[in-house]
Amino acid sequence: MTRGAEGEGALAGAAAAPRLAAGGALYYASYRGEMAGEPSR
């Protein structure tokens, strides 16, 4: 394992976290919309 790999992994995780959170929120919102009988878009 190279010396910078751990730091790069932490930066990648920090960059990916907001995207995952936003994607999860959009998925949850569309799921709730379908459960309520609204067309998913």
Protein backbone atom coordinates (compact mmCIF):
# COMPACT_ATOMS: atom_id res chain seq x y z
CA MET A 1 0.00 0.00 0.00
CA THR A 2 1.41 3.32 -1.03
CA ARG A 3 1.67 6.19 1.41
CA GLY A 4 -0.92 8.39 -0.31
CA ALA A 5 -3.55 5.70 -0.94
CA GLU A 6 -5.32 6.18 2.38
CA GLY A 7 -5.55 9.95 1.93
CA GLU A 8 -6.83 9.56 -1.62
CA GLY A 9 -9.46 7.09 -0.42
CA ALA A 10 -10.63 9.57 2.21
CA LEU A 11 -10.89 12.35 -0.38
CA ALA A 12 -12.80 10.08 -2.76
CA GLY A 13 -15.18 9.09 0.03
CA ALA A 14 -15.76 12.72 1.00
CA ALA A 15 -16.47 13.61 -2.64
CA ALA A 16 -18.83 10.67 -3.15
CA ALA A 17 -20.85 11.07 0.06
CA PRO A 18 -22.92 14.12 -1.03
CA ARG A 19 -23.69 12.45 -4.37
CA LEU A 20 -24.85 9.28 -2.64
CA ALA A 21 -26.96 11.29 -0.20
CA ALA A 22 -28.56 13.29 -3.00
CA GLY A 23 -29.18 10.17 -5.07
CA GLY A 24 -30.73 8.41 -2.09
CA ALA A 25 -33.00 11.40 -1.41
CA LEU A 26 -34.16 11.51 -5.04
CA TYR A 27 -34.76 7.76 -5.06
CA TYR A 28 -36.70 7.95 -1.80
CA ALA A 29 -38.81 10.87 -3.08
CA SER A 30 -39.68 9.04 -6.29
CA TYR A 31 -40.47 5.89 -4.30
CA ARG A 32 -42.81 7.83 -2.01
CA GLY A 33 -44.42 9.43 -5.06
CA GLU A 34 -45.13 6.03 -6.59
CA MET A 35 -46.55 4.75 -3.31
CA ALA A 36 -48.89 7.77 -3.24
CA GLY A 37 -50.07 6.92 -6.76
CA GLU A 38 -48.29 9.82 -8.45
CA PRO A 39 -46.40 9.14 -11.70
CA SER A 40 -42.67 8.93 -11.13
CA ARG A 41 -40.65 11.34 -13.19
